[in-house]
C-alpha atoms as a PDB file:
ATOM      1  CA  MET A   1     -20.356 -21.671 -20.420  1.00  0.00           C
ATOM      2  CA  THR A   2     -19.029 -17.868 -21.895  1.00  0.00           C
ATOM      3  CA  GLU A   3     -15.757 -16.707 -20.125  1.00  0.00           C
ATOM      4  CA  ASN A   4     -17.373 -13.112 -19.478  1.00  0.00           C
ATOM      5  CA  ASN A   5     -19.174 -14.880 -17.049  1.00  0.00           C
ATOM      6  CA  PRO A   6     -18.413 -13.881 -13.642  1.00  0.00           C
ATOM      7  CA  GLU A   7     -20.502 -17.571 -11.870  1.00  0.00           C
ATOM      8  CA  SER A   8     -18.277 -19.270 -14.011  1.00  0.00           C
ATOM      9  CA  ALA A   9     -14.482 -18.055 -13.263  1.00  0.00           C
ATOM     10  CA  PRO A  10     -12.982 -19.286 -10.072  1.00  0.00           C
ATOM     11  CA  ARG A  11     -13.655 -17.636  -6.776  1.00  0.00           C
ATOM     12  CA  SER A  12     -10.780 -14.800  -6.389  1.00  0.00           C
ATOM     13  CA  GLU A  13     -11.015 -14.444 -10.176  1.00  0.00           C
ATOM     14  CA  ARG A  14     -14.921 -13.307  -9.427  1.00  0.00           C
ATOM     15  CA  PRO A  15     -15.614  -9.233  -9.112  1.00  0.00           C
ATOM     16  CA  ARG A  16     -16.685  -8.979  -5.903  1.00  0.00           C
ATOM     17  CA  ARG A  17     -19.494  -6.198  -4.343  1.00  0.00           C
ATOM     18  CA  ALA A  18     -19.865  -4.035  -1.284  1.00  0.00           C
ATOM     19  CA  GLY A  19     -22.813  -5.682   0.239  1.00  0.00           C
ATOM     20  CA  ALA A  20     -23.549  -4.590   3.811  1.00  0.00           C
ATOM     21  CA  PHE A  21     -20.265  -2.179   3.557  1.00  0.00           C
ATOM     22  CA  ASP A  22     -22.750  -0.242   0.594  1.00  0.00           C
ATOM     23  CA  ILE A  23     -24.376   3.008   1.981  1.00  0.00           C
ATOM     24  CA  ARG A  24     -26.819   3.005   0.508  1.00  0.00           C
ATOM     25  CA  ASN A  25     -27.534  -0.437   2.784  1.00  0.00           C
ATOM     26  CA  PHE A  26     -27.061   1.971   5.891  1.00  0.00           C
ATOM     27  CA  ILE A  27     -29.668   4.816   5.116  1.00  0.00           C
ATOM     28  CA  ALA A  28     -32.417   2.536   3.847  1.00  0.00           C
ATOM     29  CA  ALA A  29     -31.678   0.669   7.649  1.00  0.00           C
ATOM     30  CA  LEU A  30     -32.226   4.380   9.302  1.00  0.00           C
ATOM     31  CA  LEU A  31     -34.408   5.885   7.148  1.00  0.00           C
ATOM     32  CA  GLY A  32     -36.307   2.526   7.485  1.00  0.00           C
ATOM     33  CA  ILE A  33     -36.702   1.959  11.253  1.00  0.00           C
ATOM     34  CA  TYR A  34     -37.468   6.065  11.725  1.00  0.00           C
ATOM     35  CA  GLY A  35     -40.095   5.547   9.416  1.00  0.00           C
ATOM     36  CA  VAL A  36     -41.591   2.117  11.690  1.00  0.00           C
ATOM     37  CA  VAL A  37     -40.303   4.238  14.905  1.00  0.00           C
ATOM     38  CA  LEU A  38     -42.833   7.344  13.465  1.00  0.00           C
ATOM     39  CA  LEU A  39     -46.260   5.497  11.707  1.00  0.00           C
ATOM     40  CA  VAL A  40     -46.637   3.657  15.486  1.00  0.00           C
ATOM     41  CA  THR A  41     -46.109   6.751  17.226  1.00  0.00           C
ATOM     42  CA  GLY A  42     -49.113   8.108  14.525  1.00  0.00           C
ATOM     43  CA  LEU A  43     -51.109   4.656  15.450  1.00  0.00           C
ATOM     44  CA  VAL A  44     -50.465   4.779  18.877  1.00  0.00           C
ATOM     45  CA  GLY A  45     -49.736   8.293  20.694  1.00  0.00           C
ATOM     46  CA  THR A  46     -51.504  10.517  18.004  1.00  0.00           C
ATOM     47  CA  THR A  47     -53.735  12.759  20.981  1.00  0.00           C
ATOM     48  CA  ASP A  48     -57.360  14.932  18.772  1.00  0.00           C
ATOM     49  CA  ALA A  49     -55.134  17.895  19.303  1.00  0.00           C
ATOM     50  CA  ASP A  50     -52.120  16.698  17.704  1.00  0.00           C
ATOM     51  CA  LEU A  51     -54.494  15.982  14.904  1.00  0.00           C
ATOM     52  CA  ALA A  52     -56.139  19.849  15.566  1.00  0.00           C
ATOM     53  CA  LYS A  53     -52.533  21.232  14.826  1.00  0.00           C
ATOM     54  CA  ALA A  54     -52.277  19.298  11.686  1.00  0.00           C
ATOM     55  CA  GLN A  55     -55.517  20.336  10.593  1.00  0.00           C
ATOM     56  CA  GLY A  56     -56.758  16.249  10.690  1.00  0.00           C
ATOM     57  CA  ILE A  57     -53.788  15.421   8.901  1.00  0.00           C
ATOM     58  CA  ASN A  58     -52.056  12.698  11.118  1.00  0.00           C
ATOM     59  CA  VAL A  59     -48.610  13.605   9.849  1.00  0.00           C
ATOM     60  CA  ASN A  60     -46.539  10.862  11.846  1.00  0.00           C
ATOM     61  CA  VAL A  61     -48.304   7.922  10.207  1.00  0.00           C
ATOM     62  CA  TRP A  62     -47.855   9.680   6.200  1.00  0.00           C
ATOM     63  CA  THR A  63     -44.091  10.685   7.682  1.00  0.00           C
ATOM     64  CA  GLY A  64     -43.583   6.698   9.037  1.00  0.00           C
ATOM     65  CA  ILE A  65     -44.656   5.342   5.586  1.00  0.00           C
ATOM     66  CA  ALA A  66     -43.314   8.052   3.400  1.00  0.00           C
ATOM     67  CA  LEU A  67     -39.990   6.994   4.751  1.00  0.00           C
ATOM     68  CA  ILE A  68     -40.690   3.395   4.635  1.00  0.00           C
ATOM     69  CA  ILE A  69     -41.200   3.597   1.045  1.00  0.00           C
ATOM     70  CA  ALA A  70     -37.830   5.773   0.640  1.00  0.00           C
ATOM     71  CA  ALA A  71     -35.883   3.265   2.489  1.00  0.00           C
ATOM     72  CA  GLY A  72     -37.324   0.355   0.868  1.00  0.00           C
ATOM     73  CA  LEU A  73     -35.793   2.545  -2.698  1.00  0.00           C
ATOM     74  CA  PHE A  74     -32.956   3.059  -1.548  1.00  0.00           C
ATOM     75  CA  ALA A  75     -32.607  -1.495  -0.862  1.00  0.00           C
ATOM     76  CA  GLY A  76     -34.912  -1.854  -4.567  1.00  0.00           C
ATOM     77  CA  TRP A  77     -30.981   0.018  -5.877  1.00  0.00           C
ATOM     78  CA  ALA A  78     -28.605  -1.673  -3.439  1.00  0.00           C
ATOM     79  CA  ARG A  79     -29.749  -4.894  -4.892  1.00  0.00           C
ATOM     80  CA  LEU A  80     -29.979  -3.706  -8.418  1.00  0.00           C
ATOM     81  CA  ARG A  81     -27.159  -1.900  -9.106  1.00  0.00           C
ATOM     82  CA  PRO A  82     -24.792  -3.240  -6.466  1.00  0.00           C
ATOM     83  CA  VAL A  83     -21.217  -1.364  -6.058  1.00  0.00           C
ATOM     84  CA  ILE A  84     -18.224  -3.493  -7.700  1.00  0.00           C
ATOM     85  CA  VAL A  85     -15.542  -3.512  -5.406  1.00  0.00           C
ATOM     86  CA  PRO A  86     -12.067  -3.626  -7.731  1.00  0.00           C
ATOM     87  CA  THR A  87      -9.755  -5.905  -7.439  1.00  0.00           C
ATOM     88  CA  ASP A  88      -6.150  -5.541  -7.007  1.00  0.00           C
ATOM     89  CA  ASP A  89      -5.449  -6.575 -10.704  1.00  0.00           C
ATOM     90  CA  ASP A  90      -7.871  -3.497 -11.616  1.00  0.00           C
ATOM     91  CA  ARG A  91      -5.800  -1.090  -9.783  1.00  0.00           C
END
């Protein structure tokens, strides 16, 4: 029971996290949505003409995968290093 442990502090004295209002969560959600849309489009809607334009590379699939990975990185960053909102006492 250390005094510096925020979990043992009374509810009103604990540091508050930005949570859902952290901009990294919004960026992760948007990148994830766009990534899934591109991935599905690349898997379902790619024609031979589209592949010929891109020299045989399914650009939508690879871009969708990259966006999903980037979304995971942003979500992980927001989870591992949360933004602490200052309380009235800290100002």
